[in-house]
Amino acid sequence: MRERLNKAAALQWAGVLVLYAVTAGLLWRILQIQIANPYAGDFLVHIQTALDPTQTGYSALNPVYQGLWALTGSYDSMVLFVLLMCLGGIAASGWFLHRYAGTGIFASGLLGWCCFCADPVYLPFLNDYRTLGVQAFGVWHNPTLIGIKLLGVFVLALYLRMVRQFDEGLHWRDWLAFMVLLALATGVKPSLLFCFAPAMAVLMLWDFVRGRCQRFGRYVWLGCSVFPALAVVLSQYLVLFAGGPQQHEESGLAFSLGANLLQRTQHPIASILQSAAFVLAVAVLCAGSLLRDRMLCMGWGMTGFAYLQHIFLVETGPRASDGNWTWGTSVSLFLLFLASAVRLWQQTGRWKEQTPLRKGLICLCWLLLAWQSACGLEYMLLFIKNGTFYL
């Protein structure tokens, strides 16, 4: 019996390694295309900004690029670094599913890949582009998004762990790790914090009121964990929006209804449905327990704040056309995708208890997950074929 289990585990690990090897090959080619062509993605521009002493960058990836260049003098080392971030994000997604849904080795690897690499449902008669205009979360042309997706998995996991332990008291190691990772993710790109912190604040207030305003000190202690990340945002703001022409002194933030949502999309409402198809179906499946489910509440809270920013805010000045407010929806949808996959797996495990209607809904959820994952794979293949992310 033990030999059979060991053999089965070995076969599952072999399947995961093959999946990772194929993915690594695809990503290496995608990143090499971007290194050779500045119009194929943001990667080369990020590297050139980091290595140019006259440029002021805000991302925590810049010193990494500088260090790799000093050590190797080769762009390939930076390609390898971003490739490892991608594979790390896929592995972290698999770990999250194994940790919270109890998936097996191969199921964790495959579903982790699906969540990390999925993209919006592609319907060309609604919107021309596969990832532009829609709120895509398989964003391969921007290494900063890849970095915060990787860190975001652990930020969410630590948050859920602290919430679970809250009544017994916060563990200082979890609190410190959460604070450091959130600040690091913000240093890479502030998009995660802008969505995570407001959702966390609202849920903390809800818990505080529901708990008859007890344990005030613990709530303050938990809330203080975001202060270093807020300090990072302040420093990034000073780099981007203050200090002279080199720092884009004419740039800023403004209210503008739908400015980001209307960029490169013909049907903005459809773009939201295309991007959130799977998570919306799972929300319907879990509607009865949604408000009691902290994992889904946090995922939907983040996504809600991300869409509020995406719909109502816009950058002005030289960055106005960059569409940077869409990155919050990209990261939040990815983390919500993970949370939804956890709940779908658990509901599927109780298949015999489900009504025929719920069984049909479970099948629909799996179909949408497979569809969005297939769209992500197709996007990667077309990126390699056409040499551009304008697909």
Protein backbone atom coordinates (compact mmCIF):
# COMPACT_ATOMS: atom_id res chain seq x y z
CA MET A 1 0.00 0.00 0.00
CA ARG A 2 2.78 2.41 0.92
CA GLU A 3 4.58 1.66 -2.34
CA ARG A 4 1.41 2.43 -4.30
CA LEU A 5 0.98 5.73 -2.46
CA ASN A 6 4.59 6.66 -3.08
CA LYS A 7 4.26 5.80 -6.74
CA ALA A 8 1.06 7.82 -7.06
CA ALA A 9 2.70 10.80 -5.35
CA ALA A 10 5.74 10.50 -7.63
CA LEU A 11 3.51 10.47 -10.71
CA GLN A 12 1.65 13.54 -9.47
CA TRP A 13 4.89 15.40 -8.81
CA ALA A 14 6.13 14.38 -12.26
CA GLY A 15 2.98 15.84 -13.79
CA VAL A 16 3.46 19.11 -11.89
CA LEU A 17 7.11 19.33 -12.96
CA VAL A 18 6.17 18.78 -16.60
CA LEU A 19 3.54 21.52 -16.33
CA TYR A 20 6.09 23.88 -14.77
CA ALA A 21 8.71 23.02 -17.38
CA VAL A 22 6.35 23.76 -20.27
CA THR A 23 5.23 26.98 -18.58
CA ALA A 24 8.83 28.03 -18.00
CA GLY A 25 9.58 27.52 -21.69
CA LEU A 26 6.62 29.65 -22.72
CA LEU A 27 7.44 32.41 -20.23
CA TRP A 28 11.13 32.47 -21.18
CA ARG A 29 10.13 33.09 -24.77
CA ILE A 30 7.57 35.78 -23.80
CA LEU A 31 10.13 37.62 -21.68
CA GLN A 32 12.83 37.35 -24.35
CA ILE A 33 10.44 38.90 -26.87
CA GLN A 34 9.94 41.84 -24.51
CA ILE A 35 13.69 42.25 -24.00
CA ALA A 36 14.18 42.49 -27.77
CA ASN A 37 11.23 44.79 -28.46
CA PRO A 38 10.22 47.71 -26.20
CA TYR A 39 6.77 47.75 -27.82
CA ALA A 40 6.10 44.14 -26.83
CA GLY A 41 5.69 44.94 -23.13
CA ASP A 42 6.90 47.02 -20.20
CA PHE A 43 9.80 44.78 -19.16
CA LEU A 44 12.56 46.43 -21.20
CA VAL A 45 11.43 49.94 -20.22
CA HIS A 46 11.50 48.94 -16.55
CA ILE A 47 15.05 47.62 -16.90
CA GLN A 48 16.26 50.68 -18.80
CA THR A 49 14.72 52.98 -16.18
CA ALA A 50 16.41 51.04 -13.39
CA LEU A 51 19.82 51.15 -15.07
CA ASP A 52 19.68 54.80 -16.15
CA PRO A 53 21.15 57.01 -13.38
CA THR A 54 19.22 60.02 -14.72
CA GLN A 55 15.87 58.29 -14.23
CA THR A 56 14.01 58.07 -10.95
CA GLY A 57 12.05 54.86 -10.48
CA TYR A 58 9.69 53.98 -7.66
CA SER A 59 9.51 50.17 -7.83
CA ALA A 60 11.34 47.87 -5.43
CA LEU A 61 12.28 45.77 -8.45
CA ASN A 62 14.66 48.49 -9.64
CA PRO A 63 17.45 47.71 -7.14
CA VAL A 64 17.05 44.02 -8.03
CA TYR A 65 17.65 44.80 -11.71
CA GLN A 66 20.60 47.00 -10.78
CA GLY A 67 22.13 44.28 -8.63
CA LEU A 68 21.68 41.62 -11.30
CA TRP A 69 23.24 43.90 -13.92
CA ALA A 70 26.20 44.60 -11.63
CA LEU A 71 26.71 40.87 -11.05
CA THR A 72 26.14 39.51 -14.56
CA GLY A 73 25.99 42.39 -17.05
CA SER A 74 23.28 40.45 -18.86
CA TYR A 75 19.57 40.91 -19.41
CA ASP A 76 19.15 37.14 -19.25
CA SER A 77 19.66 37.22 -15.49
CA MET A 78 16.70 39.60 -15.20
CA VAL A 79 14.63 37.39 -17.48
CA LEU A 80 15.44 34.46 -15.18
CA PHE A 81 14.49 36.50 -12.13
CA VAL A 82 11.07 37.43 -13.54
CA LEU A 83 10.58 33.86 -14.75
CA LEU A 84 11.23 32.59 -11.23
CA MET A 85 8.73 35.13 -9.88
CA CYS A 86 6.14 33.73 -12.29
CA LEU A 87 6.81 30.12 -11.32
CA GLY A 88 6.88 31.15 -7.66
CA GLY A 89 3.47 32.78 -8.08
CA ILE A 90 2.07 29.63 -9.66
CA ALA A 91 3.57 27.49 -6.88
CA ALA A 92 2.22 29.89 -4.22
CA SER A 93 -1.23 29.64 -5.79
CA GLY A 94 -1.01 25.84 -5.62
CA TRP A 95 0.13 26.02 -2.01
CA PHE A 96 -2.82 28.29 -1.15
CA LEU A 97 -5.26 25.82 -2.67
CA HIS A 98 -3.63 22.89 -0.89
CA ARG A 99 -3.63 24.81 2.39
CA TYR A 100 -7.25 25.96 2.32
CA ALA A 101 -9.01 23.44 0.07
CA GLY A 102 -6.98 20.30 0.76
CA THR A 103 -6.26 19.64 -2.91
CA GLY A 104 -3.79 16.88 -3.79
CA ILE A 105 -0.37 17.35 -5.34
CA PHE A 106 -1.34 17.41 -9.02
CA ALA A 107 -4.67 19.16 -8.42
CA SER A 108 -2.86 21.88 -6.46
CA GLY A 109 -0.32 22.35 -9.24
CA LEU A 110 -2.89 22.41 -12.02
CA LEU A 111 -5.43 24.63 -10.26
CA GLY A 112 -2.65 26.95 -9.10
CA TRP A 113 -1.58 27.28 -12.72
CA CYS A 114 -5.17 27.95 -13.80
CA CYS A 115 -5.67 30.70 -11.22
CA PHE A 116 -2.35 32.42 -11.91
CA CYS A 117 -2.49 32.20 -15.70
CA ALA A 118 -6.22 32.65 -16.38
CA ASP A 119 -7.53 35.61 -18.34
CA PRO A 120 -10.96 37.09 -19.10
CA VAL A 121 -13.33 35.22 -21.37
CA TYR A 122 -12.48 36.36 -24.90
CA LEU A 123 -15.54 37.37 -26.93
CA PRO A 124 -14.32 39.43 -29.94
CA PHE A 125 -17.82 40.66 -30.81
CA LEU A 126 -17.88 42.44 -27.42
CA ASN A 127 -14.30 43.66 -27.02
CA ASP A 128 -11.46 43.48 -29.52
CA TYR A 129 -8.63 42.79 -27.10
CA ARG A 130 -7.97 39.80 -24.88
CA THR A 131 -6.34 41.69 -22.00
CA LEU A 132 -6.53 45.39 -22.88
CA GLY A 133 -9.72 47.14 -21.84
CA VAL A 134 -10.92 44.10 -19.90
CA GLN A 135 -9.61 43.64 -16.37
CA ALA A 136 -7.09 40.93 -17.11
CA PHE A 137 -5.10 39.28 -14.33
CA GLY A 138 -2.70 37.13 -16.39
CA VAL A 139 -0.58 40.20 -17.11
CA TRP A 140 2.68 38.94 -18.60
CA HIS A 141 3.89 42.24 -20.05
CA ASN A 142 4.32 43.91 -16.65
CA PRO A 143 6.77 42.33 -14.16
CA THR A 144 5.56 44.51 -11.28
CA LEU A 145 2.12 42.89 -11.51
CA ILE A 146 3.73 39.46 -11.50
CA GLY A 147 5.64 40.42 -8.36
CA ILE A 148 2.63 41.61 -6.38
CA LYS A 149 0.58 38.58 -7.45
CA LEU A 150 3.27 36.38 -5.89
CA LEU A 151 3.45 38.46 -2.70
CA GLY A 152 -0.32 38.95 -2.60
CA VAL A 153 -0.93 35.22 -2.09
CA PHE A 154 1.08 35.25 1.15
CA VAL A 155 -0.36 38.60 2.27
CA LEU A 156 -3.88 37.16 1.97
CA ALA A 157 -2.89 33.91 3.67
CA LEU A 158 -1.31 35.73 6.61
CA TYR A 159 -4.33 38.00 6.95
CA LEU A 160 -6.68 35.00 7.07
CA ARG A 161 -4.43 33.35 9.64
CA MET A 162 -4.45 36.42 11.89
CA VAL A 163 -8.23 36.73 11.64
CA ARG A 164 -8.62 33.08 12.61
CA GLN A 165 -6.35 33.56 15.64
CA PHE A 166 -7.75 36.95 16.60
CA ASP A 167 -9.80 35.83 19.60
CA GLU A 168 -6.80 34.09 21.17
CA GLY A 169 -4.47 36.98 20.38
CA LEU A 170 -2.29 38.04 17.48
CA HIS A 171 0.99 36.19 17.08
CA TRP A 172 3.79 38.70 16.66
CA ARG A 173 5.58 36.61 14.00
CA ASP A 174 2.48 36.54 11.78
CA TRP A 175 1.90 40.24 12.36
CA LEU A 176 5.51 41.10 11.49
CA ALA A 177 5.55 38.88 8.41
CA PHE A 178 2.28 40.39 7.21
CA MET A 179 3.57 43.93 7.75
CA VAL A 180 6.83 43.26 5.90
CA LEU A 181 5.23 41.45 2.97
CA LEU A 182 2.54 44.10 2.53
CA ALA A 183 5.17 46.85 2.56
CA LEU A 184 7.33 44.91 0.10
CA ALA A 185 4.39 44.31 -2.23
CA THR A 186 3.58 48.02 -2.04
CA GLY A 187 7.17 48.82 -2.86
CA VAL A 188 6.92 46.71 -6.00
CA LYS A 189 3.66 48.45 -6.96
CA PRO A 190 1.06 50.08 -4.66
CA SER A 191 -1.97 48.55 -6.38
CA LEU A 192 -2.43 45.77 -3.81
CA LEU A 193 -2.45 48.12 -0.82
CA PHE A 194 -5.01 50.46 -2.38
CA CYS A 195 -7.48 47.57 -2.50
CA PHE A 196 -6.39 45.46 0.46
CA ALA A 197 -6.20 48.17 3.13
CA PRO A 198 -9.72 49.63 2.60
CA ALA A 199 -11.30 46.17 2.55
CA MET A 200 -9.36 45.20 5.67
CA ALA A 201 -10.47 48.41 7.42
CA VAL A 202 -14.15 47.85 6.62
CA LEU A 203 -14.07 44.24 7.81
CA MET A 204 -12.21 45.23 10.98
CA LEU A 205 -14.85 47.86 11.74
CA TRP A 206 -17.61 45.31 11.10
CA ASP A 207 -15.97 42.79 13.44
CA PHE A 208 -15.40 45.48 16.08
CA VAL A 209 -19.04 46.60 16.08
CA ARG A 210 -20.37 43.05 15.90
CA GLY A 211 -18.14 42.12 18.84
CA ARG A 212 -19.68 44.91 20.94
CA CYS A 213 -16.58 47.09 20.62
CA GLN A 214 -14.35 44.78 22.65
CA ARG A 215 -10.61 44.05 22.17
CA PHE A 216 -9.97 47.59 20.95
CA GLY A 217 -6.22 47.23 21.46
CA ARG A 218 -5.99 44.20 19.19
CA TYR A 219 -7.79 46.02 16.39
CA VAL A 220 -5.42 48.95 16.73
CA TRP A 221 -2.44 46.59 16.71
CA LEU A 222 -3.70 44.85 13.58
CA GLY A 223 -4.41 48.16 11.88
CA CYS A 224 -0.90 49.42 12.62
CA SER A 225 0.49 46.69 10.38
CA VAL A 226 -0.36 48.76 7.28
CA PHE A 227 1.58 51.86 8.37
CA PRO A 228 4.92 50.86 6.80
CA ALA A 229 3.15 50.20 3.51
CA LEU A 230 1.51 53.63 3.72
CA ALA A 231 4.95 55.17 4.27
CA VAL A 232 6.14 53.40 1.12
CA VAL A 233 3.21 54.88 -0.81
CA LEU A 234 4.12 58.35 0.43
CA SER A 235 7.69 57.95 -0.81
CA GLN A 236 6.41 56.69 -4.17
CA TYR A 237 4.06 59.65 -4.41
CA LEU A 238 6.94 62.05 -3.87
CA VAL A 239 8.88 60.33 -6.65
CA LEU A 240 6.01 60.32 -9.14
CA PHE A 241 4.09 63.50 -8.44
CA ALA A 242 6.46 65.99 -6.83
CA GLY A 243 9.91 67.48 -7.10
CA GLY A 244 10.18 68.89 -10.62
CA PRO A 245 9.80 67.94 -14.27
CA GLN A 246 11.85 64.76 -13.92
CA GLN A 247 9.25 63.49 -11.48
CA HIS A 248 6.28 64.53 -13.63
CA GLU A 249 5.19 67.54 -11.57
CA GLU A 250 2.15 67.96 -13.79
CA SER A 251 0.89 64.48 -12.93
CA GLY A 252 -1.76 63.89 -10.33
CA LEU A 253 -5.05 62.18 -9.52
CA ALA A 254 -8.57 63.22 -10.49
CA PHE A 255 -12.16 61.98 -10.48
CA SER A 256 -13.34 60.93 -13.91
CA LEU A 257 -16.27 58.58 -14.32
CA GLY A 258 -15.36 55.63 -16.51
CA ALA A 259 -12.12 57.04 -17.99
CA ASN A 260 -10.13 53.87 -17.25
CA LEU A 261 -13.03 51.56 -17.94
CA LEU A 262 -13.54 53.02 -21.41
CA GLN A 263 -9.92 52.68 -22.50
CA ARG A 264 -9.62 50.23 -25.41
CA THR A 265 -13.03 48.66 -24.82
CA GLN A 266 -16.27 48.95 -26.76
CA HIS A 267 -18.56 47.50 -24.08
CA PRO A 268 -17.28 48.37 -20.59
CA ILE A 269 -19.97 46.52 -18.63
CA ALA A 270 -19.33 43.41 -20.69
CA SER A 271 -15.62 43.76 -19.93
CA ILE A 272 -16.40 43.38 -16.21
CA LEU A 273 -18.55 40.31 -16.81
CA GLN A 274 -15.90 38.76 -19.08
CA SER A 275 -13.24 39.30 -16.41
CA ALA A 276 -15.28 38.17 -13.41
CA ALA A 277 -17.34 35.36 -14.98
CA PHE A 278 -15.93 32.54 -12.83
CA VAL A 279 -15.97 34.39 -9.51
CA LEU A 280 -19.51 35.65 -10.10
CA ALA A 281 -20.70 32.08 -10.68
CA VAL A 282 -19.00 30.90 -7.48
CA ALA A 283 -20.55 33.82 -5.58
CA VAL A 284 -23.99 32.60 -6.66
CA LEU A 285 -23.05 29.06 -5.61
CA CYS A 286 -21.92 30.27 -2.16
CA ALA A 287 -24.54 33.02 -1.76
CA GLY A 288 -26.00 31.50 1.39
CA SER A 289 -22.70 31.69 3.31
CA LEU A 290 -21.00 34.57 1.49
CA LEU A 291 -21.29 37.14 4.30
CA ARG A 292 -19.96 34.64 6.86
CA ASP A 293 -17.04 33.58 4.67
CA ARG A 294 -14.04 35.77 5.53
CA MET A 295 -11.98 34.53 2.60
CA LEU A 296 -14.63 35.41 0.02
CA CYS A 297 -15.62 38.60 1.87
CA MET A 298 -12.03 39.81 1.75
CA GLY A 299 -11.70 38.85 -1.91
CA TRP A 300 -14.91 40.60 -2.88
CA GLY A 301 -14.13 43.59 -0.65
CA MET A 302 -10.77 44.06 -2.36
CA THR A 303 -12.34 43.66 -5.77
CA GLY A 304 -15.12 46.11 -4.92
CA PHE A 305 -12.67 48.82 -3.88
CA ALA A 306 -10.53 48.06 -6.92
CA TYR A 307 -13.49 48.65 -9.22
CA LEU A 308 -14.48 51.84 -7.41
CA GLN A 309 -10.97 53.17 -8.08
CA HIS A 310 -10.99 51.81 -11.61
CA ILE A 311 -14.30 53.46 -12.45
CA PHE A 312 -14.01 56.79 -10.64
CA LEU A 313 -10.30 57.71 -10.55
CA VAL A 314 -7.81 58.62 -13.25
CA GLU A 315 -4.22 59.84 -13.35
CA THR A 316 -3.53 63.15 -15.04
CA GLY A 317 -0.46 64.35 -16.89
CA PRO A 318 2.06 62.08 -18.66
CA ARG A 319 0.66 58.93 -16.99
CA ALA A 320 -2.97 59.59 -17.93
CA SER A 321 -3.04 57.03 -20.75
CA ASP A 322 -1.23 54.28 -18.82
CA GLY A 323 -4.40 52.93 -17.24
CA ASN A 324 -2.65 52.25 -13.94
CA TRP A 325 -5.89 52.04 -11.97
CA THR A 326 -6.69 48.82 -13.80
CA TRP A 327 -3.88 47.01 -11.97
CA GLY A 328 -5.87 46.95 -8.75
CA THR A 329 -8.65 45.01 -10.45
CA SER A 330 -6.05 42.65 -11.95
CA VAL A 331 -4.54 41.75 -8.58
CA SER A 332 -7.82 41.65 -6.67
CA LEU A 333 -9.52 39.44 -9.25
CA PHE A 334 -6.58 37.05 -9.12
CA LEU A 335 -6.81 36.69 -5.33
CA LEU A 336 -10.60 36.40 -5.57
CA PHE A 337 -10.06 33.73 -8.21
CA LEU A 338 -7.97 31.76 -5.69
CA ALA A 339 -10.55 32.13 -2.93
CA SER A 340 -13.35 31.10 -5.30
CA ALA A 341 -11.40 28.04 -6.47
CA VAL A 342 -11.01 26.97 -2.83
CA ARG A 343 -14.76 27.19 -2.21
CA LEU A 344 -15.63 25.50 -5.51
CA TRP A 345 -13.37 22.56 -4.67
CA GLN A 346 -15.01 22.20 -1.26
CA GLN A 347 -18.52 22.37 -2.71
CA THR A 348 -17.57 19.76 -5.32
CA GLY A 349 -16.32 17.49 -2.53
CA ARG A 350 -19.87 17.48 -1.15
CA TRP A 351 -21.33 16.48 -4.50
CA LYS A 352 -23.71 13.82 -3.13
CA GLU A 353 -25.30 16.37 -0.80
CA GLN A 354 -26.01 18.90 -3.55
CA THR A 355 -29.37 19.45 -5.21
CA PRO A 356 -29.62 19.01 -9.00
CA LEU A 357 -29.69 22.79 -9.42
CA ARG A 358 -26.52 23.24 -7.37
CA LYS A 359 -24.83 20.40 -9.22
CA GLY A 360 -25.56 22.21 -12.48
CA LEU A 361 -24.15 25.42 -11.01
CA ILE A 362 -21.00 23.59 -9.86
CA CYS A 363 -20.51 22.26 -13.40
CA LEU A 364 -20.97 25.78 -14.77
CA CYS A 365 -18.32 27.09 -12.37
CA TRP A 366 -15.81 24.45 -13.49
CA LEU A 367 -16.63 25.20 -17.13
CA LEU A 368 -15.97 28.91 -16.61
CA LEU A 369 -12.73 28.16 -14.77
CA ALA A 370 -11.59 25.95 -17.65
CA TRP A 371 -12.65 28.56 -20.21
CA GLN A 372 -10.81 31.42 -18.55
CA SER A 373 -7.73 29.23 -18.07
CA ALA A 374 -7.81 28.24 -21.75
CA CYS A 375 -8.04 31.93 -22.66
CA GLY A 376 -4.93 32.54 -20.57
CA LEU A 377 -3.01 29.77 -22.32
CA GLU A 378 -4.15 30.97 -25.74
CA TYR A 379 -2.99 34.48 -24.90
CA MET A 380 0.49 33.20 -24.00
CA LEU A 381 0.76 31.24 -27.26
CA LEU A 382 -0.45 34.20 -29.33
CA PHE A 383 2.00 36.49 -27.52
CA ILE A 384 4.83 34.25 -28.71
CA LYS A 385 3.39 33.94 -32.22
CA ASN A 386 2.76 37.66 -32.77
CA GLY A 387 5.48 39.17 -30.58
CA THR A 388 3.18 41.68 -28.87
CA PHE A 389 0.70 41.98 -26.02
CA TYR A 390 -1.75 43.95 -28.17
CA LEU A 391 -3.90 40.89 -28.79
